[in-house]
Protein backbone atom coordinates (compact mmCIF):
# COMPACT_ATOMS: atom_id res chain seq x y z
CA MET A 1 -0.03 -0.20 0.10
CA LEU A 2 1.89 3.26 -1.74
CA GLY A 3 4.51 1.24 -1.45
CA LEU A 4 5.19 2.32 2.69
CA SER A 5 7.03 -0.81 4.59
CA ARG A 6 6.27 -0.85 8.31
CA LYS A 7 9.63 -2.93 8.90
CA ASN A 8 11.12 1.05 7.86
CA PRO A 9 9.20 3.92 9.83
CA HIS A 10 11.35 6.62 8.83
CA ARG A 11 10.89 6.65 5.37
CA ILE A 12 7.58 7.02 6.30
CA GLU A 13 8.85 9.75 8.03
CA GLU A 14 10.56 11.23 5.69
CA ARG A 15 7.26 10.98 3.19
CA LEU A 16 4.81 12.56 5.65
CA GLY A 17 7.55 14.88 6.27
CA ALA A 18 7.12 16.04 2.43
CA LEU A 19 3.82 16.02 2.64
CA LYS A 20 2.86 18.87 4.45
CA SER A 21 6.51 20.45 3.25
CA ASP A 22 4.09 20.15 0.25
CA PHE A 23 1.15 21.72 1.80
CA ASP A 24 2.62 24.09 3.63
CA ALA A 25 3.53 25.24 -0.51
CA LEU A 26 0.41 25.22 -1.67
CA GLN A 27 -1.10 27.20 0.85
CA ARG A 28 1.09 29.51 0.50
CA ASP A 29 0.34 29.82 -3.28
CA VAL A 30 -3.51 29.44 -2.63
CA VAL A 31 -2.64 32.65 -0.34
CA LYS A 32 -1.17 34.56 -3.29
CA LEU A 33 -3.15 33.52 -5.83
CA ALA A 34 -6.31 35.14 -3.19
CA SER A 35 -4.40 38.18 -3.04
CA GLY A 36 -4.25 38.17 -6.61
CA VAL A 37 -7.60 37.73 -7.56
CA GLN A 38 -8.98 40.05 -4.76
CA GLY A 39 -6.81 42.98 -6.40
CA VAL A 40 -8.34 42.64 -10.28
CA ALA A 41 -11.35 41.85 -8.89
CA ARG A 42 -11.21 44.95 -7.28
CA GLU A 43 -9.98 46.80 -9.60
CA LYS A 44 -12.47 45.32 -12.32
CA ALA A 45 -15.80 46.11 -9.96
CA SER A 46 -14.39 49.20 -9.99
CA THR A 47 -14.34 50.05 -13.04
CA LEU A 48 -17.78 48.82 -13.99
CA TYR A 49 -18.67 50.72 -10.98
CA GLU A 50 -17.45 54.45 -12.88
CA ASN A 51 -18.46 53.13 -16.01
CA GLY A 52 -22.17 52.84 -14.57
CA GLU A 53 -22.31 55.78 -13.05
CA ALA A 54 -21.24 58.22 -16.82
CA TRP A 55 -23.72 56.05 -18.01
CA THR A 56 -26.51 56.80 -15.96
CA ASP A 57 -25.22 60.24 -16.03
CA GLU A 58 -25.54 60.04 -20.00
CA ASN A 59 -29.20 59.23 -20.03
CA LEU A 60 -30.85 60.15 -17.18
CA GLY A 61 -31.46 63.04 -19.59
CA ASN A 62 -33.67 60.20 -21.39
CA VAL A 63 -36.01 58.53 -18.98
CA ARG A 64 -36.68 62.15 -17.18
CA ASP A 65 -37.94 63.19 -20.97
CA ALA A 66 -40.11 59.38 -21.12
CA ILE A 67 -41.29 60.09 -17.81
CA ARG A 68 -42.56 64.20 -18.95
CA ASP A 69 -43.97 62.37 -22.56
CA GLN A 70 -46.16 58.65 -20.73
CA PRO A 71 -46.55 60.39 -16.97
CA LEU A 72 -48.87 57.28 -16.40
CA ALA A 73 -47.09 55.06 -17.80
CA ALA A 74 -43.78 55.77 -16.42
CA GLY A 75 -45.86 55.11 -12.85
CA LEU A 76 -47.40 52.16 -14.00
CA ILE A 77 -43.64 50.43 -14.35
CA LEU A 78 -42.60 51.55 -11.32
CA LEU A 79 -45.78 50.41 -9.69
CA GLY A 80 -45.21 46.77 -11.13
CA ALA A 81 -41.27 46.77 -10.70
CA GLY A 82 -42.13 48.47 -6.88
CA ALA A 83 -44.36 45.18 -6.42
CA VAL A 84 -41.86 42.90 -7.59
CA LEU A 85 -39.56 43.63 -5.57
CA GLY A 86 -41.98 43.32 -2.36
CA ALA A 87 -42.37 40.38 -3.34
CA LEU A 88 -39.47 39.47 -4.24
CA LEU A 89 -37.96 40.55 -0.88
CA LEU A 90 -41.23 39.27 0.98
CA ARG A 91 -41.06 35.87 -0.26
CA ARG A 92 -39.71 33.04 2.89
């Protein structure tokens, strides 16, 4: 089994030591990878936030015009959206 002999306990200890060393190295690598991913995710989220803010600022005039042109339709759409969000948030 695994090429280990009960007659040679030192060999087992050596392999366990090597395995522990490999796990320690893997743990360090995972921490480095997670740090790198965190930095990239933070950068992407920041970019998306800034782009979303710019898009909203650009299109806010169009929304205002649509609401002025059709206030009843806009009100019904908002009422429906509020009902859907309320149902989702109060769902158990």
